[in-house]
């Protein structure tokens, strides 16, 4: 556990790292938790719990904790390559110019 004076210092300590996979916020004040959740630079944030993993939820971090997401539909999209293809089936000249 890393000691801190207040929520602002805890946030500064948490964000002052090259990594950002996950963070946890603990408090009885849910509104304070939600305020910190918005400011944390982490891909996964747990509130009053830690490390549950659901395949329906995207998994991945910020900064040097990786790019993209695994699990869920977001994860599937990370393994796809998108290609745009246009086919003109009209034999007439295009006439752009």
PDB file of N, CA and C in Angstrom:
ATOM      1  N   UNK A   1       0.844  -1.175   0.000  1.00  0.00           N
ATOM      2  CA  UNK A   1       0.000   0.000   0.000  1.00  0.00           C
ATOM      3  C   UNK A   1       0.896   1.248   0.000  1.00  0.00           C
ATOM      4  N   UNK A   2       0.565   2.205  -0.804  1.00  0.00           N
ATOM      5  CA  UNK A   2       1.315   3.459  -0.890  1.00  0.00           C
ATOM      6  C   UNK A   2       0.553   4.526  -0.111  1.00  0.00           C
ATOM      7  N   UNK A   3       1.189   5.160   0.877  1.00  0.00           N
ATOM      8  CA  UNK A   3       0.478   6.178   1.656  1.00  0.00           C
ATOM      9  C   UNK A   3       0.217   7.443   0.837  1.00  0.00           C
ATOM     10  N   UNK A   4      -0.889   8.114   1.146  1.00  0.00           N
ATOM     11  CA  UNK A   4      -1.244   9.374   0.490  1.00  0.00           C
ATOM     12  C   UNK A   4      -2.042  10.226   1.471  1.00  0.00           C
ATOM     13  N   UNK A   5      -2.014  11.554   1.255  1.00  0.00           N
ATOM     14  CA  UNK A   5      -2.697  12.488   2.160  1.00  0.00           C
ATOM     15  C   UNK A   5      -4.186  12.605   1.874  1.00  0.00           C
ATOM     16  N   UNK A   6      -4.530  12.669   0.592  1.00  0.00           N
ATOM     17  CA  UNK A   6      -5.926  12.880   0.212  1.00  0.00           C
ATOM     18  C   UNK A   6      -6.165  12.291  -1.176  1.00  0.00           C
ATOM     19  N   UNK A   7      -7.389  12.402  -1.652  1.00  0.00           N
ATOM     20  CA  UNK A   7      -7.754  11.803  -2.941  1.00  0.00           C
ATOM     21  C   UNK A   7      -6.955  12.399  -4.092  1.00  0.00           C
ATOM     22  N   UNK A   8      -6.684  13.697  -4.037  1.00  0.00           N
ATOM     23  CA  UNK A   8      -5.916  14.326  -5.115  1.00  0.00           C
ATOM     24  C   UNK A   8      -4.502  13.765  -5.199  1.00  0.00           C
ATOM     25  N   UNK A   9      -3.872  13.566  -4.045  1.00  0.00           N
ATOM     26  CA  UNK A   9      -2.527  12.994  -4.054  1.00  0.00           C
ATOM     27  C   UNK A   9      -2.565  11.533  -4.509  1.00  0.00           C
ATOM     28  N   UNK A  10      -3.572  10.795  -4.098  1.00  0.00           N
ATOM     29  CA  UNK A  10      -3.702   9.401  -4.540  1.00  0.00           C
ATOM     30  C   UNK A  10      -3.850   9.337  -6.057  1.00  0.00           C
ATOM     31  N   UNK A  11      -4.643  10.242  -6.606  1.00  0.00           N
ATOM     32  CA  UNK A  11      -4.829  10.299  -8.056  1.00  0.00           C
ATOM     33  C   UNK A  11      -3.523  10.628  -8.762  1.00  0.00           C
ATOM     34  N   UNK A  12      -2.776  11.578  -8.223  1.00  0.00           N
ATOM     35  CA  UNK A  12      -1.488  11.953  -8.809  1.00  0.00           C
ATOM     36  C   UNK A  12      -0.521  10.771  -8.792  1.00  0.00           C
ATOM     37  N   UNK A  13      -0.463  10.069  -7.680  1.00  0.00           N
ATOM     38  CA  UNK A  13       0.420   8.901  -7.573  1.00  0.00           C
ATOM     39  C   UNK A  13      -0.004   7.823  -8.577  1.00  0.00           C
ATOM     40  N   UNK A  14      -1.303   7.569  -8.658  1.00  0.00           N
ATOM     41  CA  UNK A  14      -1.805   6.519  -9.556  1.00  0.00           C
ATOM     42  C   UNK A  14      -1.534   6.847 -11.018  1.00  0.00           C
ATOM     43  N   UNK A  15      -1.678   8.106 -11.387  1.00  0.00           N
ATOM     44  CA  UNK A  15      -1.489   8.495 -12.790  1.00  0.00           C
ATOM     45  C   UNK A  15      -0.025   8.749 -13.152  1.00  0.00           C
ATOM     46  N   UNK A  16       0.839   8.890 -12.154  1.00  0.00           N
ATOM     47  CA  UNK A  16       2.253   9.181 -12.398  1.00  0.00           C
ATOM     48  C   UNK A  16       3.038   7.882 -12.585  1.00  0.00           C
ATOM     49  N   UNK A  17       2.664   7.121 -13.565  1.00  0.00           N
ATOM     50  CA  UNK A  17       3.316   5.861 -13.885  1.00  0.00           C
ATOM     51  C   UNK A  17       3.217   5.657 -15.393  1.00  0.00           C
ATOM     52  N   UNK A  18       4.176   4.965 -15.977  1.00  0.00           N
ATOM     53  CA  UNK A  18       4.077   4.713 -17.415  1.00  0.00           C
ATOM     54  C   UNK A  18       3.034   3.641 -17.748  1.00  0.00           C
ATOM     55  N   UNK A  19       2.442   3.046 -16.727  1.00  0.00           N
ATOM     56  CA  UNK A  19       1.483   1.968 -16.946  1.00  0.00           C
ATOM     57  C   UNK A  19       0.072   2.422 -16.603  1.00  0.00           C
ATOM     58  N   UNK A  20      -0.906   1.687 -17.067  1.00  0.00           N
ATOM     59  CA  UNK A  20      -2.285   2.053 -16.800  1.00  0.00           C
ATOM     60  C   UNK A  20      -3.248   0.918 -17.081  1.00  0.00           C
ATOM     61  N   UNK A  21      -2.909  -0.284 -16.623  1.00  0.00           N
ATOM     62  CA  UNK A  21      -3.804  -1.409 -16.876  1.00  0.00           C
ATOM     63  C   UNK A  21      -5.054  -1.299 -16.010  1.00  0.00           C
ATOM     64  N   UNK A  22      -4.876  -1.198 -14.693  1.00  0.00           N
ATOM     65  CA  UNK A  22      -6.036  -1.229 -13.810  1.00  0.00           C
ATOM     66  C   UNK A  22      -5.792  -0.396 -12.564  1.00  0.00           C
ATOM     67  N   UNK A  23      -6.896   0.012 -11.948  1.00  0.00           N
ATOM     68  CA  UNK A  23      -6.851   0.767 -10.698  1.00  0.00           C
ATOM     69  C   UNK A  23      -8.081   0.385  -9.881  1.00  0.00           C
ATOM     70  N   UNK A  24      -7.997   0.607  -8.585  1.00  0.00           N
ATOM     71  CA  UNK A  24      -9.140   0.365  -7.705  1.00  0.00           C
ATOM     72  C   UNK A  24      -9.354   1.589  -6.827  1.00  0.00           C
ATOM     73  N   UNK A  25     -10.612   1.927  -6.617  1.00  0.00           N
ATOM     74  CA  UNK A  25     -10.994   3.056  -5.767  1.00  0.00           C
ATOM     75  C   UNK A  25     -11.894   2.503  -4.667  1.00  0.00           C
ATOM     76  N   UNK A  26     -11.566   2.873  -3.426  1.00  0.00           N
ATOM     77  CA  UNK A  26     -12.352   2.402  -2.292  1.00  0.00           C
ATOM     78  C   UNK A  26     -12.854   3.595  -1.501  1.00  0.00           C
ATOM     79  N   UNK A  27     -14.160   3.669  -1.289  1.00  0.00           N
ATOM     80  CA  UNK A  27     -14.740   4.739  -0.473  1.00  0.00           C
ATOM     81  C   UNK A  27     -16.212   4.444  -0.236  1.00  0.00           C
ATOM     82  N   UNK A  28     -16.740   4.980   0.856  1.00  0.00           N
ATOM     83  CA  UNK A  28     -18.188   4.897   1.081  1.00  0.00           C
ATOM     84  C   UNK A  28     -18.923   5.967   0.287  1.00  0.00           C
ATOM     85  N   UNK A  29     -18.197   6.963  -0.185  1.00  0.00           N
ATOM     86  CA  UNK A  29     -18.782   8.068  -0.960  1.00  0.00           C
ATOM     87  C   UNK A  29     -18.705   7.719  -2.447  1.00  0.00           C
ATOM     88  N   UNK A  30     -19.796   7.186  -2.999  1.00  0.00           N
ATOM     89  CA  UNK A  30     -19.791   6.728  -4.387  1.00  0.00           C
ATOM     90  C   UNK A  30     -19.546   7.879  -5.358  1.00  0.00           C
ATOM     91  N   UNK A  31     -19.985   9.083  -5.013  1.00  0.00           N
ATOM     92  CA  UNK A  31     -19.775  10.224  -5.904  1.00  0.00           C
ATOM     93  C   UNK A  31     -18.300  10.612  -5.971  1.00  0.00           C
ATOM     94  N   UNK A  32     -17.595  10.486  -4.869  1.00  0.00           N
ATOM     95  CA  UNK A  32     -16.147  10.713  -4.866  1.00  0.00           C
ATOM     96  C   UNK A  32     -15.466   9.642  -5.719  1.00  0.00           C
ATOM     97  N   UNK A  33     -15.929   8.404  -5.588  1.00  0.00           N
ATOM     98  CA  UNK A  33     -15.375   7.319  -6.405  1.00  0.00           C
ATOM     99  C   UNK A  33     -15.555   7.611  -7.890  1.00  0.00           C
ATOM    100  N   UNK A  34     -16.761   7.998  -8.283  1.00  0.00           N
ATOM    101  CA  UNK A  34     -17.032   8.266  -9.694  1.00  0.00           C
ATOM    102  C   UNK A  34     -16.206   9.430 -10.213  1.00  0.00           C
ATOM    103  N   UNK A  35     -15.972  10.426  -9.370  1.00  0.00           N
ATOM    104  CA  UNK A  35     -15.119  11.547  -9.765  1.00  0.00           C
ATOM    105  C   UNK A  35     -13.697  11.069 -10.047  1.00  0.00           C
ATOM    106  N   UNK A  36     -13.185  10.195  -9.199  1.00  0.00           N
ATOM    107  CA  UNK A  36     -11.838   9.662  -9.397  1.00  0.00           C
ATOM    108  C   UNK A  36     -11.774   8.729 -10.603  1.00  0.00           C
ATOM    109  N   UNK A  37     -12.821   7.940 -10.820  1.00  0.00           N
ATOM    110  CA  UNK A  37     -12.861   7.031 -11.972  1.00  0.00           C
ATOM    111  C   UNK A  37     -12.651   7.811 -13.259  1.00  0.00           C
ATOM    112  N   UNK A  38     -13.300   8.956 -13.382  1.00  0.00           N
ATOM    113  CA  UNK A  38     -13.177   9.776 -14.593  1.00  0.00           C
ATOM    114  C   UNK A  38     -11.756  10.289 -14.805  1.00  0.00           C
ATOM    115  N   UNK A  39     -11.034  10.507 -13.720  1.00  0.00           N
ATOM    116  CA  UNK A  39      -9.700  11.117 -13.804  1.00  0.00           C
ATOM    117  C   UNK A  39      -8.568  10.092 -13.874  1.00  0.00           C
ATOM    118  N   UNK A  40      -8.842   8.856 -13.516  1.00  0.00           N
ATOM    119  CA  UNK A  40      -7.793   7.835 -13.531  1.00  0.00           C
ATOM    120  C   UNK A  40      -7.437   7.442 -14.957  1.00  0.00           C
ATOM    121  N   UNK A  41      -6.146   7.353 -15.249  1.00  0.00           N
ATOM    122  CA  UNK A  41      -5.664   6.940 -16.572  1.00  0.00           C
ATOM    123  C   UNK A  41      -5.381   5.441 -16.534  1.00  0.00           C
ATOM    124  N   UNK A  42      -6.454   4.671 -16.459  1.00  0.00           N
ATOM    125  CA  UNK A  42      -6.350   3.211 -16.431  1.00  0.00           C
ATOM    126  C   UNK A  42      -7.466   2.635 -17.292  1.00  0.00           C
ATOM    127  N   UNK A  43      -7.179   1.542 -17.952  1.00  0.00           N
ATOM    128  CA  UNK A  43      -8.157   0.920 -18.831  1.00  0.00           C
ATOM    129  C   UNK A  43      -9.254   0.178 -18.090  1.00  0.00           C
ATOM    130  N   UNK A  44      -8.982  -0.213 -16.861  1.00  0.00           N
ATOM    131  CA  UNK A  44      -9.957  -0.920 -16.030  1.00  0.00           C
ATOM    132  C   UNK A  44      -9.942  -0.248 -14.664  1.00  0.00           C
ATOM    133  N   UNK A  45     -11.108   0.099 -14.148  1.00  0.00           N
ATOM    134  CA  UNK A  45     -11.183   0.682 -12.808  1.00  0.00           C
ATOM    135  C   UNK A  45     -12.256  -0.060 -12.022  1.00  0.00           C
ATOM    136  N   UNK A  46     -11.878  -0.549 -10.868  1.00  0.00           N
ATOM    137  CA  UNK A  46     -12.804  -1.229  -9.975  1.00  0.00           C
ATOM    138  C   UNK A  46     -13.171  -0.280  -8.845  1.00  0.00           C
ATOM    139  N   UNK A  47     -14.421  -0.280  -8.440  1.00  0.00           N
ATOM    140  CA  UNK A  47     -14.892   0.553  -7.336  1.00  0.00           C
ATOM    141  C   UNK A  47     -15.380  -0.369  -6.220  1.00  0.00           C
ATOM    142  N   UNK A  48     -14.742  -0.241  -5.070  1.00  0.00           N
ATOM    143  CA  UNK A  48     -15.057  -1.035  -3.883  1.00  0.00           C
ATOM    144  C   UNK A  48     -14.997  -2.543  -4.147  1.00  0.00           C
ATOM    145  N   UNK A  49     -14.131  -2.930  -5.032  1.00  0.00           N
ATOM    146  CA  UNK A  49     -13.860  -4.334  -5.332  1.00  0.00           C
ATOM    147  C   UNK A  49     -12.540  -4.381  -6.083  1.00  0.00           C
ATOM    148  N   UNK A  50     -12.047  -5.579  -6.367  1.00  0.00           N
ATOM    149  CA  UNK A  50     -10.830  -5.654  -7.169  1.00  0.00           C
ATOM    150  C   UNK A  50     -10.778  -6.962  -7.933  1.00  0.00           C
ATOM    151  N   UNK A  51     -10.338  -6.863  -9.128  1.00  0.00           N
ATOM    152  CA  UNK A  51     -10.006  -7.940 -10.036  1.00  0.00           C
ATOM    153  C   UNK A  51     -11.132  -8.865 -10.483  1.00  0.00           C
ATOM    154  N   UNK A  52     -12.401  -8.433 -10.494  1.00  0.00           N
ATOM    155  CA  UNK A  52     -13.356  -9.295 -11.190  1.00  0.00           C
ATOM    156  C   UNK A  52     -13.099  -9.203 -12.689  1.00  0.00           C
ATOM    157  N   UNK A  53     -13.317 -10.275 -13.385  1.00  0.00           N
ATOM    158  CA  UNK A  53     -13.082 -10.299 -14.828  1.00  0.00           C
ATOM    159  C   UNK A  53     -14.296 -10.917 -15.498  1.00  0.00           C
ATOM    160  N   UNK A  54     -14.859 -10.204 -16.440  1.00  0.00           N
ATOM    161  CA  UNK A  54     -16.031 -10.685 -17.155  1.00  0.00           C
ATOM    162  C   UNK A  54     -15.722 -10.697 -18.645  1.00  0.00           C
ATOM    163  N   UNK A  55     -16.014 -11.795 -19.312  1.00  0.00           N
ATOM    164  CA  UNK A  55     -15.705 -11.881 -20.739  1.00  0.00           C
ATOM    165  C   UNK A  55     -16.550 -10.914 -21.560  1.00  0.00           C
ATOM    166  N   UNK A  56     -17.644 -10.416 -21.002  1.00  0.00           N
ATOM    167  CA  UNK A  56     -18.490  -9.464 -21.714  1.00  0.00           C
ATOM    168  C   UNK A  56     -17.915  -8.052 -21.688  1.00  0.00           C
ATOM    169  N   UNK A  57     -16.929  -7.811 -20.856  1.00  0.00           N
ATOM    170  CA  UNK A  57     -16.361  -6.471 -20.693  1.00  0.00           C
ATOM    171  C   UNK A  57     -14.992  -6.399 -21.369  1.00  0.00           C
ATOM    172  N   UNK A  58     -14.674  -5.267 -21.990  1.00  0.00           N
ATOM    173  CA  UNK A  58     -13.359  -5.132 -22.622  1.00  0.00           C
ATOM    174  C   UNK A  58     -12.242  -5.148 -21.581  1.00  0.00           C
ATOM    175  N   UNK A  59     -11.109  -5.744 -21.932  1.00  0.00           N
ATOM    176  CA  UNK A  59      -9.956  -5.851 -21.034  1.00  0.00           C
ATOM    177  C   UNK A  59      -8.764  -5.240 -21.736  1.00  0.00           C
ATOM    178  N   UNK A  60      -8.140  -4.255 -21.120  1.00  0.00           N
ATOM    179  CA  UNK A  60      -6.956  -3.642 -21.692  1.00  0.00           C
ATOM    180  C   UNK A  60      -6.606  -2.374 -20.948  1.00  0.00           C
ATOM    181  N   UNK A  61      -5.386  -1.899 -21.167  1.00  0.00           N
ATOM    182  CA  UNK A  61      -4.901  -0.759 -20.415  1.00  0.00           C
ATOM    183  C   UNK A  61      -4.604   0.456 -21.251  1.00  0.00           C
ATOM    184  N   UNK A  62      -4.146   1.486 -20.572  1.00  0.00           N
ATOM    185  CA  UNK A  62      -3.698   2.732 -21.182  1.00  0.00           C
ATOM    186  C   UNK A  62      -2.168   2.750 -21.140  1.00  0.00           C
ATOM    187  N   UNK A  63      -1.604   3.733 -21.775  1.00  0.00           N
ATOM    188  CA  UNK A  63      -0.163   3.996 -21.760  1.00  0.00           C
ATOM    189  C   UNK A  63       0.619   2.730 -22.141  1.00  0.00           C
ATOM    190  N   UNK A  64       1.636   2.368 -21.356  1.00  0.00           N
ATOM    191  CA  UNK A  64       2.474   1.214 -21.697  1.00  0.00           C
ATOM    192  C   UNK A  64       1.880  -0.122 -21.240  1.00  0.00           C
ATOM    193  N   UNK A  65       0.633  -0.105 -20.856  1.00  0.00           N
ATOM    194  CA  UNK A  65      -0.041  -1.355 -20.485  1.00  0.00           C
ATOM    195  C   UNK A  65      -0.760  -1.966 -21.674  1.00  0.00           C
ATOM    196  N   UNK A  66      -0.278  -1.652 -22.850  1.00  0.00           N
ATOM    197  CA  UNK A  66      -0.830  -2.256 -24.049  1.00  0.00           C
ATOM    198  C   UNK A  66      -1.742  -1.321 -24.802  1.00  0.00           C
ATOM    199  N   UNK A  67      -2.077  -1.750 -25.994  1.00  0.00           N
ATOM    200  CA  UNK A  67      -3.025  -0.979 -26.780  1.00  0.00           C
ATOM    201  C   UNK A  67      -4.116  -1.927 -27.254  1.00  0.00           C
ATOM    202  N   UNK A  68      -5.273  -1.387 -27.467  1.00  0.00           N
ATOM    203  CA  UNK A  68      -6.382  -2.223 -27.877  1.00  0.00           C
ATOM    204  C   UNK A  68      -7.015  -2.927 -26.695  1.00  0.00           C
ATOM    205  N   UNK A  69      -7.969  -3.767 -27.001  1.00  0.00           N
ATOM    206  CA  UNK A  69      -8.719  -4.470 -25.973  1.00  0.00           C
ATOM    207  C   UNK A  69      -8.815  -5.948 -26.306  1.00  0.00           C
ATOM    208  N   UNK A  70      -8.946  -6.747 -25.269  1.00  0.00           N
ATOM    209  CA  UNK A  70      -9.233  -8.169 -25.400  1.00  0.00           C
ATOM    210  C   UNK A  70     -10.603  -8.401 -24.770  1.00  0.00           C
ATOM    211  N   UNK A  71     -11.164  -9.547 -25.000  1.00  0.00           N
ATOM    212  CA  UNK A  71     -12.479  -9.934 -24.489  1.00  0.00           C
ATOM    213  C   UNK A  71     -13.573  -9.053 -25.088  1.00  0.00           C
ATOM    214  N   UNK A  72     -14.784  -9.450 -24.987  1.00  0.00           N
ATOM    215  CA  UNK A  72     -15.980  -8.754 -25.469  1.00  0.00           C
ATOM    216  C   UNK A  72     -15.913  -8.483 -26.968  1.00  0.00           C
ATOM    217  N   UNK A  73     -16.894  -7.778 -27.486  1.00  0.00           N
ATOM    218  CA  UNK A  73     -16.891  -7.417 -28.905  1.00  0.00           C
ATOM    219  C   UNK A  73     -15.728  -6.500 -29.245  1.00  0.00           C
ATOM    220  N   UNK A  74     -15.303  -5.650 -28.290  1.00  0.00           N
ATOM    221  CA  UNK A  74     -14.144  -4.794 -28.522  1.00  0.00           C
ATOM    222  C   UNK A  74     -12.910  -5.645 -28.800  1.00  0.00           C
ATOM    223  N   UNK A  75     -12.771  -6.732 -28.070  1.00  0.00           N
ATOM    224  CA  UNK A  75     -11.629  -7.615 -28.262  1.00  0.00           C
ATOM    225  C   UNK A  75     -11.642  -8.304 -29.606  1.00  0.00           C
ATOM    226  N   UNK A  76     -12.796  -8.746 -30.043  1.00  0.00           N
ATOM    227  CA  UNK A  76     -12.902  -9.386 -31.356  1.00  0.00           C
ATOM    228  C   UNK A  76     -12.472  -8.411 -32.444  1.00  0.00           C
ATOM    229  N   UNK A  77     -12.909  -7.164 -32.338  1.00  0.00           N
ATOM    230  CA  UNK A  77     -12.568  -6.159 -33.347  1.00  0.00           C
ATOM    231  C   UNK A  77     -11.068  -5.909 -33.433  1.00  0.00           C
ATOM    232  N   UNK A  78     -10.340  -6.100 -32.332  1.00  0.00           N
ATOM    233  CA  UNK A  78      -8.896  -5.898 -32.339  1.00  0.00           C
ATOM    234  C   UNK A  78      -8.186  -6.901 -33.248  1.00  0.00           C
ATOM    235  N   UNK A  79      -8.802  -8.054 -33.476  1.00  0.00           N
ATOM    236  CA  UNK A  79      -8.179  -9.090 -34.290  1.00  0.00           C
ATOM    237  C   UNK A  79      -8.662  -9.083 -35.737  1.00  0.00           C
ATOM    238  N   UNK A  80      -9.471  -8.108 -36.076  1.00  0.00           N
ATOM    239  CA  UNK A  80      -9.983  -7.994 -37.437  1.00  0.00           C
ATOM    240  C   UNK A  80      -9.219  -6.930 -38.205  1.00  0.00           C
ATOM    241  N   UNK A  81      -9.132  -7.108 -39.499  1.00  0.00           N
ATOM    242  CA  UNK A  81      -8.570  -6.081 -40.371  1.00  0.00           C
ATOM    243  C   UNK A  81      -9.691  -5.583 -41.267  1.00  0.00           C
ATOM    244  N   UNK A  82      -9.888  -4.290 -41.241  1.00  0.00           N
ATOM    245  CA  UNK A  82     -10.952  -3.684 -42.032  1.00  0.00           C
ATOM    246  C   UNK A  82     -10.406  -3.291 -43.394  1.00  0.00           C
ATOM    247  N   UNK A  83     -11.177  -3.554 -44.410  1.00  0.00           N
ATOM    248  CA  UNK A  83     -10.771  -3.185 -45.763  1.00  0.00           C
ATOM    249  C   UNK A  83     -11.954  -2.531 -46.454  1.00  0.00           C
ATOM    250  N   UNK A  84     -11.714  -1.419 -47.093  1.00  0.00           N
ATOM    251  CA  UNK A  84     -12.738  -0.736 -47.868  1.00  0.00           C
ATOM    252  C   UNK A  84     -12.534  -1.084 -49.335  1.00  0.00           C
ATOM    253  N   UNK A  85     -13.587  -1.573 -50.004  1.00  0.00           N
ATOM    254  CA  UNK A  85     -13.501  -1.970 -51.409  1.00  0.00           C
ATOM    255  C   UNK A  85     -14.645  -1.312 -52.169  1.00  0.00           C
ATOM    256  N   UNK A  86     -14.309  -0.654 -53.267  1.00  0.00           N
ATOM    257  CA  UNK A  86     -15.311  -0.062 -54.157  1.00  0.00           C
ATOM    258  C   UNK A  86     -15.186  -0.745 -55.511  1.00  0.00           C
ATOM    259  N   UNK A  87     -16.289  -1.238 -56.039  1.00  0.00           N
ATOM    260  CA  UNK A  87     -16.284  -1.890 -57.349  1.00  0.00           C
ATOM    261  C   UNK A  87     -17.306  -1.188 -58.234  1.00  0.00           C
ATOM    262  N   UNK A  88     -16.840  -0.680 -59.334  1.00  0.00           N
ATOM    263  CA  UNK A  88     -17.724  -0.048 -60.310  1.00  0.00           C
ATOM    264  C   UNK A  88     -18.105  -1.104 -61.339  1.00  0.00           C
ATOM    265  N   UNK A  89     -19.345  -1.524 -61.336  1.00  0.00           N
ATOM    266  CA  UNK A  89     -19.822  -2.531 -62.281  1.00  0.00           C
ATOM    267  C   UNK A  89     -20.457  -1.904 -63.521  1.00  0.00           C
ATOM    268  N   UNK A  90     -20.476  -0.601 -63.565  1.00  0.00           N
ATOM    269  CA  UNK A  90     -21.038   0.108 -64.719  1.00  0.00           C
ATOM    270  C   UNK A  90     -19.962   0.210 -65.797  1.00  0.00           C
ATOM    271  N   UNK A  91     -20.199  -0.318 -67.006  1.00  0.00           N
ATOM    272  CA  UNK A  91     -19.171  -0.273 -68.052  1.00  0.00           C
ATOM    273  C   UNK A  91     -18.978   1.122 -68.644  1.00  0.00           C
ATOM    274  N   UNK A  92     -19.851   2.056 -68.351  1.00  0.00           N
ATOM    275  CA  UNK A  92     -19.723   3.411 -68.903  1.00  0.00           C
ATOM    276  C   UNK A  92     -18.541   4.125 -68.258  1.00  0.00           C
ATOM    277  N   UNK A  93     -17.910   5.049 -69.000  1.00  0.00           N
ATOM    278  CA  UNK A  93     -16.814   5.827 -68.417  1.00  0.00           C
ATOM    279  C   UNK A  93     -17.293   6.592 -67.174  1.00  0.00           C
ATOM    280  N   UNK A  94     -16.383   6.783 -66.259  1.00  0.00           N
ATOM    281  CA  UNK A  94     -16.724   7.458 -65.007  1.00  0.00           C
ATOM    282  C   UNK A  94     -16.978   8.941 -65.234  1.00  0.00           C
ATOM    283  N   UNK A  95     -16.176   9.572 -66.044  1.00  0.00           N
ATOM    284  CA  UNK A  95     -16.390  10.978 -66.367  1.00  0.00           C
ATOM    285  C   UNK A  95     -16.116  11.943 -65.222  1.00  0.00           C
ATOM    286  N   UNK A  96     -15.079  11.696 -64.469  1.00  0.00           N
ATOM    287  CA  UNK A  96     -14.736  12.613 -63.380  1.00  0.00           C
ATOM    288  C   UNK A  96     -14.195  13.931 -63.897  1.00  0.00           C
ATOM    289  N   UNK A  97     -13.550  13.897 -65.047  1.00  0.00           N
ATOM    290  CA  UNK A  97     -12.840  15.092 -65.498  1.00  0.00           C
ATOM    291  C   UNK A  97     -13.484  15.668 -66.729  1.00  0.00           C
TER     292      UNK A  97
END
